[in-house]
Amino acid sequence: MKKQHKIWQNYWRQIMGKPLNVETDPDCDLDLHFDIWDLEKDLFFKLFEKFPKSQELAERAYLLRWGELGELNNKLSSEEELIQEAKKSIQSIYNLFPSDELKNPKIVVKYGNDKLRLELLSKAGSISTEVDDELCDLIEKANGENGYNAYFFLSEPMYRLSSSYIPSNWILWTLTDRTDIDPYTPLLKLYYNDCDVALTNDGVLIFKLNNEE
């Protein structure tokens, strides 16, 4: 894996016009993590040409950085809309990894500031935890060792775009072969509406951040 990562590191650095064969490990190469997001579109898409499903990967990454988000960024103004998006993700996750916790769970919507958010989420876990944990295996199953290597190379740069795993994993989901299911799209819509979706002892919590109160 390290050998392949160095190859991709040099490929990216060449596209960006950076020095090659640096001693910095690809996982710690801040040029890869941050400077790629300032590239022109043609060079940005070129970054992904060595990876499986390169066009889909590039399109999703470019969309989140520069594109028109469209319905991904639609304002969800009612609790019912929030719940419906959460249900879509719950059903997708349940189809992938059935569990009693996600079988027709009670869904509660709460609103509050950062302090309340931290308090509530500290007692809960992300609803996508199991999918997050299995994403690498799903990608490897679809693309073999090349997919496995791609997941670990791309994870950090994609995460650095927004410092959140939901947008990052939404991009990386294109590397799986599950075109029939996409648990991250509803979560991304909720993310853009300042919502966290968490699994609690009582069911599913949708917490919508509202610092104006």
Protein backbone atom coordinates (compact mmCIF):
# COMPACT_ATOMS: atom_id res chain seq x y z
CA MET A 1 0.00 0.00 0.00
CA LYS A 2 2.79 2.46 0.88
CA LYS A 3 4.45 1.96 -2.51
CA GLN A 4 1.22 2.69 -4.36
CA HIS A 5 0.54 5.71 -2.18
CA LYS A 6 3.96 7.16 -3.01
CA ILE A 7 3.20 6.70 -6.73
CA TRP A 8 -0.09 8.56 -6.36
CA GLN A 9 1.56 11.20 -4.17
CA ASN A 10 4.09 11.98 -6.90
CA TYR A 11 1.35 11.96 -9.53
CA TRP A 12 -0.69 14.53 -7.58
CA ARG A 13 2.34 16.65 -6.78
CA GLN A 14 3.32 16.68 -10.47
CA ILE A 15 -0.15 17.92 -11.42
CA MET A 16 0.11 20.66 -8.79
CA GLY A 17 3.63 21.62 -9.87
CA LYS A 18 5.15 20.62 -6.54
CA PRO A 19 8.56 18.98 -5.93
CA LEU A 20 8.52 15.19 -6.34
CA ASN A 21 9.88 12.38 -4.16
CA VAL A 22 9.50 14.32 -0.93
CA GLU A 23 10.21 12.58 2.37
CA THR A 24 6.77 13.47 3.75
CA ASP A 25 4.44 10.52 4.08
CA PRO A 26 1.34 10.87 1.85
CA ASP A 27 -0.90 10.74 4.94
CA CYS A 28 0.87 13.84 6.28
CA ASP A 29 1.37 15.71 3.00
CA LEU A 30 -0.57 18.94 3.50
CA ASP A 31 -0.13 19.83 -0.17
CA LEU A 32 -2.30 16.83 -1.01
CA HIS A 33 -4.80 17.63 1.72
CA PHE A 34 -5.37 21.30 0.99
CA ASP A 35 -3.82 22.57 -2.25
CA ILE A 36 -5.78 20.23 -4.51
CA TRP A 37 -8.92 22.20 -3.71
CA ASP A 38 -7.47 25.29 -5.41
CA LEU A 39 -6.80 23.62 -8.77
CA GLU A 40 -8.62 24.54 -11.96
CA LYS A 41 -11.32 22.07 -12.97
CA ASP A 42 -9.35 20.25 -15.69
CA LEU A 43 -6.37 19.67 -13.39
CA PHE A 44 -8.63 18.72 -10.51
CA PHE A 45 -10.34 16.02 -12.58
CA LYS A 46 -6.93 14.79 -13.72
CA LEU A 47 -6.08 13.98 -10.09
CA PHE A 48 -8.59 11.14 -10.10
CA GLU A 49 -7.67 9.51 -13.42
CA LYS A 50 -5.59 6.79 -11.73
CA PHE A 51 -8.41 5.64 -9.46
CA PRO A 52 -11.39 3.34 -10.04
CA LYS A 53 -14.55 5.19 -11.13
CA SER A 54 -12.47 8.31 -11.63
CA GLN A 55 -15.17 10.38 -13.32
CA GLU A 56 -17.75 9.76 -10.60
CA LEU A 57 -15.22 10.48 -7.87
CA ALA A 58 -14.10 13.72 -9.47
CA GLU A 59 -17.64 14.89 -10.15
CA ARG A 60 -18.75 14.41 -6.55
CA ALA A 61 -15.63 16.01 -5.10
CA TYR A 62 -15.85 18.95 -7.52
CA LEU A 63 -19.55 19.41 -6.79
CA LEU A 64 -18.97 19.81 -3.07
CA ARG A 65 -16.09 22.24 -3.58
CA TRP A 66 -17.24 24.45 -6.46
CA GLY A 67 -20.46 23.19 -7.93
CA GLU A 68 -24.11 24.03 -7.68
CA LEU A 69 -25.32 21.76 -4.90
CA GLY A 70 -28.92 21.91 -6.05
CA GLU A 71 -31.25 19.69 -4.04
CA LEU A 72 -28.40 18.60 -1.78
CA ASN A 73 -28.52 22.07 -0.25
CA ASN A 74 -32.30 22.52 -0.20
CA LYS A 75 -33.63 24.04 3.00
CA LEU A 76 -35.63 21.49 4.99
CA SER A 77 -38.02 23.74 6.87
CA SER A 78 -40.23 21.27 8.70
CA GLU A 79 -39.66 18.41 11.13
CA GLU A 80 -41.43 16.07 8.74
CA GLU A 81 -38.91 16.85 5.99
CA LEU A 82 -36.03 16.20 8.38
CA ILE A 83 -37.56 12.92 9.47
CA GLN A 84 -38.21 11.79 5.89
CA GLU A 85 -34.57 12.31 4.92
CA ALA A 86 -33.43 10.48 8.05
CA LYS A 87 -35.75 7.59 7.22
CA LYS A 88 -34.18 7.27 3.75
CA SER A 89 -30.74 6.87 5.30
CA ILE A 90 -32.02 4.53 8.02
CA GLN A 91 -33.60 2.28 5.42
CA SER A 92 -30.44 2.20 3.29
CA ILE A 93 -28.26 1.38 6.29
CA TYR A 94 -30.74 -1.27 7.45
CA ASN A 95 -30.71 -2.87 4.00
CA LEU A 96 -26.92 -3.07 4.17
CA PHE A 97 -26.59 -4.05 7.82
CA PRO A 98 -29.89 -5.13 9.41
CA SER A 99 -30.16 -4.41 13.12
CA ASP A 100 -32.89 -4.20 15.74
CA GLU A 101 -31.92 -0.60 16.50
CA LEU A 102 -32.75 0.51 12.96
CA LYS A 103 -35.93 -1.52 12.50
CA ASN A 104 -38.70 1.12 12.61
CA PRO A 105 -36.96 3.23 15.26
CA LYS A 106 -38.58 6.08 17.11
CA ILE A 107 -37.29 9.34 15.62
CA VAL A 108 -37.07 12.51 17.70
CA VAL A 109 -36.12 15.99 16.47
CA LYS A 110 -34.47 18.42 18.86
CA TYR A 111 -33.16 21.94 18.42
CA GLY A 112 -30.50 23.83 20.32
CA ASN A 113 -27.11 25.49 20.49
CA ASP A 114 -23.60 24.04 20.36
CA LYS A 115 -23.55 23.32 24.08
CA LEU A 116 -26.70 21.21 23.93
CA ARG A 117 -25.46 19.53 20.75
CA LEU A 118 -22.26 18.39 22.43
CA GLU A 119 -24.15 17.24 25.49
CA LEU A 120 -26.63 15.12 23.54
CA LEU A 121 -24.22 13.72 20.97
CA SER A 122 -21.72 12.73 23.66
CA LYS A 123 -24.31 10.15 24.77
CA ALA A 124 -25.06 8.90 21.25
CA GLY A 125 -23.32 7.51 18.20
CA SER A 126 -23.53 8.48 14.55
CA ILE A 127 -26.23 6.59 12.75
CA SER A 128 -23.75 5.76 9.98
CA THR A 129 -21.06 4.28 12.23
CA GLU A 130 -21.39 0.74 10.92
CA VAL A 131 -21.38 1.86 7.29
CA ASP A 132 -18.40 4.13 8.00
CA ASP A 133 -16.53 1.20 9.54
CA GLU A 134 -17.35 -1.15 6.65
CA LEU A 135 -16.84 1.34 3.82
CA CYS A 136 -13.27 0.23 3.15
CA ASP A 137 -14.36 -3.42 2.89
CA LEU A 138 -17.21 -2.52 0.54
CA ILE A 139 -14.77 -0.62 -1.68
CA GLU A 140 -12.24 -3.45 -1.62
CA LYS A 141 -14.97 -5.94 -2.53
CA ALA A 142 -15.86 -3.84 -5.57
CA ASN A 143 -12.33 -2.94 -6.74
CA GLY A 144 -9.88 -5.32 -5.09
CA GLU A 145 -6.53 -4.15 -3.75
CA ASN A 146 -6.61 -1.02 -5.90
CA GLY A 147 -9.83 0.06 -4.22
CA TYR A 148 -8.40 -0.70 -0.78
CA ASN A 149 -5.36 1.47 -1.53
CA ALA A 150 -7.52 4.22 -3.01
CA TYR A 151 -9.71 4.38 0.09
CA PHE A 152 -6.79 5.00 2.42
CA PHE A 153 -5.12 7.46 0.05
CA LEU A 154 -8.23 9.53 -0.62
CA SER A 155 -9.83 9.52 2.83
CA GLU A 156 -7.74 12.30 4.34
CA PRO A 157 -7.82 14.75 1.39
CA MET A 158 -11.60 14.29 1.04
CA TYR A 159 -12.09 14.78 4.78
CA ARG A 160 -10.10 18.01 4.73
CA LEU A 161 -12.65 19.65 2.40
CA SER A 162 -15.15 20.10 5.23
CA SER A 163 -13.63 18.32 8.27
CA SER A 164 -16.59 15.96 8.29
CA TYR A 165 -16.84 12.30 7.35
CA ILE A 166 -20.31 12.61 5.83
CA PRO A 167 -19.23 14.65 2.76
CA SER A 168 -16.01 12.62 2.55
CA ASN A 169 -17.79 9.28 2.62
CA TRP A 170 -20.45 10.55 0.22
CA ILE A 171 -17.63 11.07 -2.29
CA LEU A 172 -15.96 7.74 -1.55
CA TRP A 173 -19.25 5.82 -1.76
CA THR A 174 -18.88 5.98 -5.56
CA LEU A 175 -16.06 3.41 -5.20
CA THR A 176 -18.50 0.76 -3.98
CA ASP A 177 -20.60 -1.40 -6.29
CA ARG A 178 -23.83 -0.52 -4.46
CA THR A 179 -25.32 1.83 -7.00
CA ASP A 180 -28.77 0.78 -5.76
CA ILE A 181 -28.17 2.22 -2.27
CA ASP A 182 -26.61 5.46 -1.09
CA PRO A 183 -26.95 6.01 2.68
CA TYR A 184 -24.88 9.18 2.61
CA THR A 185 -26.97 11.35 0.27
CA PRO A 186 -29.82 11.89 2.79
CA LEU A 187 -27.24 12.44 5.54
CA LEU A 188 -25.49 15.00 3.35
CA LYS A 189 -28.75 16.89 2.87
CA LEU A 190 -29.26 16.91 6.63
CA TYR A 191 -25.63 17.98 7.13
CA TYR A 192 -26.23 21.02 4.93
CA ASN A 193 -29.25 21.79 7.11
CA ASP A 194 -27.04 21.83 10.24
CA CYS A 195 -28.38 18.48 11.42
CA ASP A 196 -26.74 15.51 13.09
CA VAL A 197 -28.43 12.13 13.02
CA ALA A 198 -27.50 9.92 15.94
CA LEU A 199 -28.44 6.58 17.40
CA THR A 200 -29.44 6.71 21.06
CA ASN A 201 -30.78 4.22 23.59
CA ASP A 202 -34.28 5.47 22.78
CA GLY A 203 -34.07 5.44 19.00
CA VAL A 204 -32.83 7.99 16.47
CA LEU A 205 -32.13 11.61 17.32
CA ILE A 206 -32.08 14.38 14.72
CA PHE A 207 -30.41 17.38 16.27
CA LYS A 208 -30.72 20.66 14.36
CA LEU A 209 -28.26 23.34 15.40
CA ASN A 210 -29.84 26.70 16.16
CA ASN A 211 -27.45 29.12 17.84
CA GLU A 212 -29.91 32.00 17.53
CA GLU A 213 -31.92 30.79 20.48
